[in-house]
Amino acid sequence: MLGGGGFRVPLVYRALLDDSGDPAGRCTELVLYDTDRGRLDAIGAVLARQA
């Protein structure tokens, strides 16, 4: 996901975690990309707490 350090990323991640649809179409991997390593690290910590 481009802009992976953005504040909306946890909302998207929560939606992916809550997906109860067809397993064949379910996202199984999420890769975050951001040019600001500090923001990426901060969002990574938030996502780790959500998982």
PDB file of N, CA and C in Angstrom:
ATOM      1  N   MET A   1       0.842  -1.154   0.000  1.00  0.00           N
ATOM      2  CA  MET A   1       0.000   0.000   0.000  1.00  0.00           C
ATOM      3  C   MET A   1       0.898   1.232   0.000  1.00  0.00           C
ATOM      4  N   LEU A   2       0.785   2.018  -1.048  1.00  0.00           N
ATOM      5  CA  LEU A   2       1.540   3.269  -1.104  1.00  0.00           C
ATOM      6  C   LEU A   2       0.972   4.239  -0.078  1.00  0.00           C
ATOM      7  N   GLY A   3       1.840   4.968   0.567  1.00  0.00           N
ATOM      8  CA  GLY A   3       1.397   5.868   1.627  1.00  0.00           C
ATOM      9  C   GLY A   3       1.093   5.098   2.899  1.00  0.00           C
ATOM     10  N   GLY A   4       1.833   4.019   3.116  1.00  0.00           N
ATOM     11  CA  GLY A   4       1.586   3.114   4.238  1.00  0.00           C
ATOM     12  C   GLY A   4       1.763   3.727   5.607  1.00  0.00           C
ATOM     13  N   GLY A   5       2.326   4.916   5.683  1.00  0.00           N
ATOM     14  CA  GLY A   5       2.473   5.593   6.959  1.00  0.00           C
ATOM     15  C   GLY A   5       1.340   6.567   7.240  1.00  0.00           C
ATOM     16  N   GLY A   6       0.309   6.527   6.412  1.00  0.00           N
ATOM     17  CA  GLY A   6      -0.806   7.465   6.563  1.00  0.00           C
ATOM     18  C   GLY A   6      -1.781   7.066   7.662  1.00  0.00           C
ATOM     19  N   PHE A   7      -2.528   8.036   8.143  1.00  0.00           N
ATOM     20  CA  PHE A   7      -3.418   7.797   9.276  1.00  0.00           C
ATOM     21  C   PHE A   7      -4.640   6.951   8.924  1.00  0.00           C
ATOM     22  N   ARG A   8      -4.949   6.765   7.648  1.00  0.00           N
ATOM     23  CA  ARG A   8      -6.095   5.940   7.249  1.00  0.00           C
ATOM     24  C   ARG A   8      -5.760   4.452   7.181  1.00  0.00           C
ATOM     25  N   VAL A   9      -4.494   4.120   7.178  1.00  0.00           N
ATOM     26  CA  VAL A   9      -4.066   2.726   7.026  1.00  0.00           C
ATOM     27  C   VAL A   9      -4.680   1.813   8.088  1.00  0.00           C
ATOM     28  N   PRO A  10      -4.733   2.196   9.362  1.00  0.00           N
ATOM     29  CA  PRO A  10      -5.363   1.305  10.345  1.00  0.00           C
ATOM     30  C   PRO A  10      -6.835   1.004  10.042  1.00  0.00           C
ATOM     31  N   LEU A  11      -7.538   1.943   9.428  1.00  0.00           N
ATOM     32  CA  LEU A  11      -8.934   1.696   9.058  1.00  0.00           C
ATOM     33  C   LEU A  11      -9.029   0.632   7.973  1.00  0.00           C
ATOM     34  N   VAL A  12      -8.164   0.730   6.984  1.00  0.00           N
ATOM     35  CA  VAL A  12      -8.137  -0.265   5.909  1.00  0.00           C
ATOM     36  C   VAL A  12      -7.726  -1.623   6.470  1.00  0.00           C
ATOM     37  N   TYR A  13      -6.729  -1.623   7.334  1.00  0.00           N
ATOM     38  CA  TYR A  13      -6.240  -2.866   7.935  1.00  0.00           C
ATOM     39  C   TYR A  13      -7.341  -3.536   8.752  1.00  0.00           C
ATOM     40  N   ARG A  14      -8.085  -2.763   9.530  1.00  0.00           N
ATOM     41  CA  ARG A  14      -9.188  -3.317  10.326  1.00  0.00           C
ATOM     42  C   ARG A  14     -10.223  -3.944   9.409  1.00  0.00           C
ATOM     43  N   ALA A  15     -10.544  -3.300   8.306  1.00  0.00           N
ATOM     44  CA  ALA A  15     -11.507  -3.853   7.352  1.00  0.00           C
ATOM     45  C   ALA A  15     -11.005  -5.175   6.789  1.00  0.00           C
ATOM     46  N   LEU A  16      -9.712  -5.267   6.508  1.00  0.00           N
ATOM     47  CA  LEU A  16      -9.152  -6.523   6.006  1.00  0.00           C
ATOM     48  C   LEU A  16      -9.208  -7.610   7.077  1.00  0.00           C
ATOM     49  N   LEU A  17      -8.933  -7.252   8.327  1.00  0.00           N
ATOM     50  CA  LEU A  17      -8.996  -8.232   9.417  1.00  0.00           C
ATOM     51  C   LEU A  17     -10.416  -8.737   9.635  1.00  0.00           C
ATOM     52  N   ASP A  18     -11.393  -7.868   9.463  1.00  0.00           N
ATOM     53  CA  ASP A  18     -12.792  -8.224   9.708  1.00  0.00           C
ATOM     54  C   ASP A  18     -13.459  -8.893   8.513  1.00  0.00           C
ATOM     55  N   ASP A  19     -12.769  -9.004   7.390  1.00  0.00           N
ATOM     56  CA  ASP A  19     -13.347  -9.585   6.176  1.00  0.00           C
ATOM     57  C   ASP A  19     -13.754 -11.029   6.428  1.00  0.00           C
ATOM     58  N   SER A  20     -15.031 -11.302   6.259  1.00  0.00           N
ATOM     59  CA  SER A  20     -15.525 -12.669   6.438  1.00  0.00           C
ATOM     60  C   SER A  20     -16.077 -13.217   5.125  1.00  0.00           C
ATOM     61  N   GLY A  21     -15.682 -12.610   4.040  1.00  0.00           N
ATOM     62  CA  GLY A  21     -16.149 -13.034   2.719  1.00  0.00           C
ATOM     63  C   GLY A  21     -15.483 -14.320   2.259  1.00  0.00           C
ATOM     64  N   ASP A  22     -15.610 -14.585   1.003  1.00  0.00           N
ATOM     65  CA  ASP A  22     -15.062 -15.789   0.382  1.00  0.00           C
ATOM     66  C   ASP A  22     -13.554 -15.872   0.626  1.00  0.00           C
ATOM     67  N   PRO A  23     -13.071 -16.954   1.261  1.00  0.00           N
ATOM     68  CA  PRO A  23     -11.636 -17.086   1.527  1.00  0.00           C
ATOM     69  C   PRO A  23     -10.773 -17.017   0.266  1.00  0.00           C
ATOM     70  N   ALA A  24     -11.317 -17.413  -0.866  1.00  0.00           N
ATOM     71  CA  ALA A  24     -10.539 -17.394  -2.105  1.00  0.00           C
ATOM     72  C   ALA A  24     -10.199 -15.964  -2.528  1.00  0.00           C
ATOM     73  N   GLY A  25     -11.004 -14.997  -2.126  1.00  0.00           N
ATOM     74  CA  GLY A  25     -10.763 -13.617  -2.511  1.00  0.00           C
ATOM     75  C   GLY A  25     -10.189 -12.764  -1.393  1.00  0.00           C
ATOM     76  N   ARG A  26      -9.857 -13.387  -0.278  1.00  0.00           N
ATOM     77  CA  ARG A  26      -9.379 -12.657   0.901  1.00  0.00           C
ATOM     78  C   ARG A  26      -7.918 -12.253   0.752  1.00  0.00           C
ATOM     79  N   CYS A  27      -7.606 -11.069   1.203  1.00  0.00           N
ATOM     80  CA  CYS A  27      -6.231 -10.570   1.214  1.00  0.00           C
ATOM     81  C   CYS A  27      -5.447 -11.327   2.283  1.00  0.00           C
ATOM     82  N   THR A  28      -4.301 -11.882   1.915  1.00  0.00           N
ATOM     83  CA  THR A  28      -3.497 -12.654   2.869  1.00  0.00           C
ATOM     84  C   THR A  28      -2.170 -11.985   3.193  1.00  0.00           C
ATOM     85  N   GLU A  29      -1.865 -10.902   2.499  1.00  0.00           N
ATOM     86  CA  GLU A  29      -0.606 -10.208   2.741  1.00  0.00           C
ATOM     87  C   GLU A  29      -0.799  -8.722   2.456  1.00  0.00           C
ATOM     88  N   LEU A  30      -0.215  -7.894   3.324  1.00  0.00           N
ATOM     89  CA  LEU A  30      -0.275  -6.453   3.136  1.00  0.00           C
ATOM     90  C   LEU A  30       1.136  -5.904   3.262  1.00  0.00           C
ATOM     91  N   VAL A  31       1.575  -5.187   2.245  1.00  0.00           N
ATOM     92  CA  VAL A  31       2.908  -4.584   2.249  1.00  0.00           C
ATOM     93  C   VAL A  31       2.722  -3.075   2.252  1.00  0.00           C
ATOM     94  N   LEU A  32       3.356  -2.421   3.222  1.00  0.00           N
ATOM     95  CA  LEU A  32       3.253  -0.971   3.343  1.00  0.00           C
ATOM     96  C   LEU A  32       4.508  -0.316   2.785  1.00  0.00           C
ATOM     97  N   TYR A  33       4.315   0.798   2.082  1.00  0.00           N
ATOM     98  CA  TYR A  33       5.440   1.567   1.552  1.00  0.00           C
ATOM     99  C   TYR A  33       5.198   3.037   1.857  1.00  0.00           C
ATOM    100  N   ASP A  34       6.200   3.692   2.397  1.00  0.00           N
ATOM    101  CA  ASP A  34       6.134   5.128   2.638  1.00  0.00           C
ATOM    102  C   ASP A  34       7.556   5.670   2.602  1.00  0.00           C
ATOM    103  N   THR A  35       7.723   6.863   2.107  1.00  0.00           N
ATOM    104  CA  THR A  35       9.060   7.461   2.048  1.00  0.00           C
ATOM    105  C   THR A  35       9.531   7.947   3.413  1.00  0.00           C
ATOM    106  N   ASP A  36       8.613   8.080   4.365  1.00  0.00           N
ATOM    107  CA  ASP A  36       8.948   8.534   5.716  1.00  0.00           C
ATOM    108  C   ASP A  36       9.006   7.327   6.652  1.00  0.00           C
ATOM    109  N   ARG A  37      10.208   6.873   6.960  1.00  0.00           N
ATOM    110  CA  ARG A  37      10.396   5.669   7.777  1.00  0.00           C
ATOM    111  C   ARG A  37       9.783   5.817   9.174  1.00  0.00           C
ATOM    112  N   GLY A  38       9.842   7.004   9.746  1.00  0.00           N
ATOM    113  CA  GLY A  38       9.266   7.234  11.070  1.00  0.00           C
ATOM    114  C   GLY A  38       7.767   7.021  11.091  1.00  0.00           C
ATOM    115  N   ARG A  39       7.090   7.529  10.076  1.00  0.00           N
ATOM    116  CA  ARG A  39       5.630   7.333   9.982  1.00  0.00           C
ATOM    117  C   ARG A  39       5.304   5.867   9.768  1.00  0.00           C
ATOM    118  N   LEU A  40       6.083   5.214   8.933  1.00  0.00           N
ATOM    119  CA  LEU A  40       5.860   3.798   8.661  1.00  0.00           C
ATOM    120  C   LEU A  40       6.035   2.968   9.933  1.00  0.00           C
ATOM    121  N   ASP A  41       7.056   3.274  10.714  1.00  0.00           N
ATOM    122  CA  ASP A  41       7.277   2.568  11.976  1.00  0.00           C
ATOM    123  C   ASP A  41       6.126   2.803  12.950  1.00  0.00           C
ATOM    124  N   ALA A  42       5.638   4.034  13.012  1.00  0.00           N
ATOM    125  CA  ALA A  42       4.532   4.356  13.920  1.00  0.00           C
ATOM    126  C   ALA A  42       3.264   3.604  13.530  1.00  0.00           C
ATOM    127  N   ILE A  43       2.942   3.592  12.252  1.00  0.00           N
ATOM    128  CA  ILE A  43       1.749   2.880  11.790  1.00  0.00           C
ATOM    129  C   ILE A  43       1.931   1.378  11.970  1.00  0.00           C
ATOM    130  N   GLY A  44       3.138   0.875  11.748  1.00  0.00           N
ATOM    131  CA  GLY A  44       3.410  -0.546  11.977  1.00  0.00           C
ATOM    132  C   GLY A  44       3.135  -0.951  13.411  1.00  0.00           C
ATOM    133  N   ALA A  45       3.473  -0.094  14.360  1.00  0.00           N
ATOM    134  CA  ALA A  45       3.203  -0.375  15.772  1.00  0.00           C
ATOM    135  C   ALA A  45       1.699  -0.401  16.046  1.00  0.00           C
ATOM    136  N   VAL A  46       0.966   0.507  15.438  1.00  0.00           N
ATOM    137  CA  VAL A  46      -0.492   0.532  15.602  1.00  0.00           C
ATOM    138  C   VAL A  46      -1.104  -0.748  15.034  1.00  0.00           C
ATOM    139  N   LEU A  47      -0.658  -1.155  13.853  1.00  0.00           N
ATOM    140  CA  LEU A  47      -1.205  -2.359  13.222  1.00  0.00           C
ATOM    141  C   LEU A  47      -0.874  -3.607  14.029  1.00  0.00           C
ATOM    142  N   ALA A  48       0.292  -3.647  14.624  1.00  0.00           N
ATOM    143  CA  ALA A  48       0.670  -4.797  15.454  1.00  0.00           C
ATOM    144  C   ALA A  48      -0.277  -4.930  16.643  1.00  0.00           C
ATOM    145  N   ARG A  49      -0.713  -3.821  17.201  1.00  0.00           N
ATOM    146  CA  ARG A  49      -1.661  -3.868  18.325  1.00  0.00           C
ATOM    147  C   ARG A  49      -3.049  -4.283  17.862  1.00  0.00           C
ATOM    148  N   GLN A  50      -3.396  -3.985  16.615  1.00  0.00           N
ATOM    149  CA  GLN A  50      -4.714  -4.358  16.086  1.00  0.00           C
ATOM    150  C   GLN A  50      -4.806  -5.849  15.782  1.00  0.00           C
ATOM    151  N   ALA A  51      -3.700  -6.448  15.407  1.00  0.00           N
ATOM    152  CA  ALA A  51      -3.715  -7.853  14.949  1.00  0.00           C
ATOM    153  C   ALA A  51      -4.035  -8.821  16.070  1.00  0.00           C
TER     154      ALA A  51
END
